[in-house]
């Protein structure tokens, strides 16, 4: 396959800012990468380095019941700790 065989929907390059943070809550240790970009309407790209899962997260997502549990495969208690931290970023 060559480049000419591909139909690109987009192919952009952007300067981003990424923060790496590790913290221990009452139930779990979190090792996260948090990328700020212009692409996702002010939302953050948050990736869990331990589980290799990521999500695009904004305040509306944090208010969605069960969202963090689903995307990161974590318990309700772990999600509550993660949510508390993520609210400090938004």
C-alpha atoms as a PDB file:
ATOM      1  CA  UNK A   1       0.000   0.000   0.000  1.00  0.00           C
ATOM      2  CA  UNK A   2       1.329   3.433  -0.887  1.00  0.00           C
ATOM      3  CA  UNK A   3       0.436   6.878   0.378  1.00  0.00           C
ATOM      4  CA  UNK A   4      -1.546   7.443  -2.827  1.00  0.00           C
ATOM      5  CA  UNK A   5      -3.787   4.462  -1.964  1.00  0.00           C
ATOM      6  CA  UNK A   6      -4.952   6.058   1.288  1.00  0.00           C
ATOM      7  CA  UNK A   7      -7.860   8.459   1.692  1.00  0.00           C
ATOM      8  CA  UNK A   8      -6.966  10.745   4.589  1.00  0.00           C
ATOM      9  CA  UNK A   9      -9.792  12.304   6.571  1.00  0.00           C
ATOM     10  CA  UNK A  10      -7.197  14.503   8.208  1.00  0.00           C
ATOM     11  CA  UNK A  11      -3.455  14.546   8.766  1.00  0.00           C
ATOM     12  CA  UNK A  12      -2.565  17.399  11.108  1.00  0.00           C
ATOM     13  CA  UNK A  13       0.441  18.187  13.235  1.00  0.00           C
ATOM     14  CA  UNK A  14      -0.076  20.142  16.439  1.00  0.00           C
ATOM     15  CA  UNK A  15       2.013  21.275  19.374  1.00  0.00           C
ATOM     16  CA  UNK A  16       0.552  19.829  22.580  1.00  0.00           C
ATOM     17  CA  UNK A  17       1.338  19.893  26.275  1.00  0.00           C
ATOM     18  CA  UNK A  18       1.559  16.628  28.218  1.00  0.00           C
ATOM     19  CA  UNK A  19       1.746  16.254  31.987  1.00  0.00           C
ATOM     20  CA  UNK A  20       2.766  12.977  33.605  1.00  0.00           C
ATOM     21  CA  UNK A  21       1.484  12.478  37.133  1.00  0.00           C
ATOM     22  CA  UNK A  22       1.484   9.594  39.589  1.00  0.00           C
ATOM     23  CA  UNK A  23      -0.541   9.580  42.796  1.00  0.00           C
ATOM     24  CA  UNK A  24      -1.794   7.090  45.336  1.00  0.00           C
ATOM     25  CA  UNK A  25      -5.350   7.232  46.586  1.00  0.00           C
ATOM     26  CA  UNK A  26      -7.059   5.109  49.221  1.00  0.00           C
ATOM     27  CA  UNK A  27      -7.791   2.305  46.743  1.00  0.00           C
ATOM     28  CA  UNK A  28      -5.293   2.490  43.898  1.00  0.00           C
ATOM     29  CA  UNK A  29      -2.160   4.009  42.417  1.00  0.00           C
ATOM     30  CA  UNK A  30      -2.709   6.079  39.288  1.00  0.00           C
ATOM     31  CA  UNK A  31       0.006   6.710  36.686  1.00  0.00           C
ATOM     32  CA  UNK A  32      -1.439   9.094  34.132  1.00  0.00           C
ATOM     33  CA  UNK A  33      -0.475  11.077  31.089  1.00  0.00           C
ATOM     34  CA  UNK A  34      -2.664  14.119  30.476  1.00  0.00           C
ATOM     35  CA  UNK A  35      -2.434  15.814  27.091  1.00  0.00           C
ATOM     36  CA  UNK A  36      -3.860  19.245  26.403  1.00  0.00           C
ATOM     37  CA  UNK A  37      -4.620  19.909  22.745  1.00  0.00           C
ATOM     38  CA  UNK A  38      -6.768  22.167  20.581  1.00  0.00           C
ATOM     39  CA  UNK A  39      -8.364  19.165  18.902  1.00  0.00           C
ATOM     40  CA  UNK A  40     -10.947  17.999  21.454  1.00  0.00           C
ATOM     41  CA  UNK A  41     -12.948  21.171  22.197  1.00  0.00           C
ATOM     42  CA  UNK A  42     -11.161  21.869  25.474  1.00  0.00           C
ATOM     43  CA  UNK A  43     -11.284  18.289  26.708  1.00  0.00           C
ATOM     44  CA  UNK A  44      -8.204  16.430  27.911  1.00  0.00           C
ATOM     45  CA  UNK A  45      -6.714  13.239  26.518  1.00  0.00           C
ATOM     46  CA  UNK A  46      -6.089  11.199  29.680  1.00  0.00           C
ATOM     47  CA  UNK A  47      -4.232   7.924  29.416  1.00  0.00           C
ATOM     48  CA  UNK A  48      -3.680   5.426  32.197  1.00  0.00           C
ATOM     49  CA  UNK A  49      -0.153   4.145  31.720  1.00  0.00           C
ATOM     50  CA  UNK A  50      -0.723   1.037  33.870  1.00  0.00           C
ATOM     51  CA  UNK A  51      -3.774  -0.257  32.020  1.00  0.00           C
ATOM     52  CA  UNK A  52      -3.007   1.153  28.563  1.00  0.00           C
ATOM     53  CA  UNK A  53      -6.491   2.725  28.385  1.00  0.00           C
ATOM     54  CA  UNK A  54      -7.290   6.292  27.454  1.00  0.00           C
ATOM     55  CA  UNK A  55     -10.244   8.623  27.120  1.00  0.00           C
ATOM     56  CA  UNK A  56     -11.050  12.137  25.998  1.00  0.00           C
ATOM     57  CA  UNK A  57     -12.445  13.738  29.139  1.00  0.00           C
ATOM     58  CA  UNK A  58     -14.246  16.969  29.881  1.00  0.00           C
ATOM     59  CA  UNK A  59     -16.346  18.094  32.803  1.00  0.00           C
ATOM     60  CA  UNK A  60     -19.487  16.704  31.151  1.00  0.00           C
ATOM     61  CA  UNK A  61     -17.868  13.263  30.979  1.00  0.00           C
ATOM     62  CA  UNK A  62     -17.006  13.346  34.675  1.00  0.00           C
ATOM     63  CA  UNK A  63     -20.668  13.966  35.449  1.00  0.00           C
ATOM     64  CA  UNK A  64     -21.754  10.933  33.395  1.00  0.00           C
ATOM     65  CA  UNK A  65     -22.523   8.047  35.796  1.00  0.00           C
ATOM     66  CA  UNK A  66     -20.246   5.050  35.278  1.00  0.00           C
ATOM     67  CA  UNK A  67     -18.135   6.705  32.577  1.00  0.00           C
ATOM     68  CA  UNK A  68     -14.728   6.430  34.256  1.00  0.00           C
ATOM     69  CA  UNK A  69     -15.478   2.926  35.483  1.00  0.00           C
ATOM     70  CA  UNK A  70     -16.266   1.854  31.922  1.00  0.00           C
ATOM     71  CA  UNK A  71     -13.412   3.479  30.014  1.00  0.00           C
ATOM     72  CA  UNK A  72     -10.684   2.639  32.530  1.00  0.00           C
ATOM     73  CA  UNK A  73     -12.061  -0.672  33.817  1.00  0.00           C
ATOM     74  CA  UNK A  74     -11.922   0.474  37.447  1.00  0.00           C
ATOM     75  CA  UNK A  75     -14.178   0.179  40.474  1.00  0.00           C
ATOM     76  CA  UNK A  76     -16.621   2.833  41.617  1.00  0.00           C
ATOM     77  CA  UNK A  77     -14.313   3.713  44.526  1.00  0.00           C
ATOM     78  CA  UNK A  78     -11.291   4.057  42.245  1.00  0.00           C
ATOM     79  CA  UNK A  79     -13.328   6.165  39.828  1.00  0.00           C
ATOM     80  CA  UNK A  80     -14.338   8.514  42.651  1.00  0.00           C
ATOM     81  CA  UNK A  81     -10.662   9.128  43.478  1.00  0.00           C
ATOM     82  CA  UNK A  82      -9.735   9.640  39.844  1.00  0.00           C
ATOM     83  CA  UNK A  83     -12.698  11.963  39.311  1.00  0.00           C
ATOM     84  CA  UNK A  84     -11.675  14.079  42.297  1.00  0.00           C
ATOM     85  CA  UNK A  85      -8.210  14.533  40.777  1.00  0.00           C
ATOM     86  CA  UNK A  86      -9.477  15.222  37.242  1.00  0.00           C
ATOM     87  CA  UNK A  87     -11.837  17.955  38.455  1.00  0.00           C
ATOM     88  CA  UNK A  88      -8.742  19.876  39.599  1.00  0.00           C
ATOM     89  CA  UNK A  89      -7.543  19.972  35.973  1.00  0.00           C
ATOM     90  CA  UNK A  90     -10.735  21.210  34.326  1.00  0.00           C
END
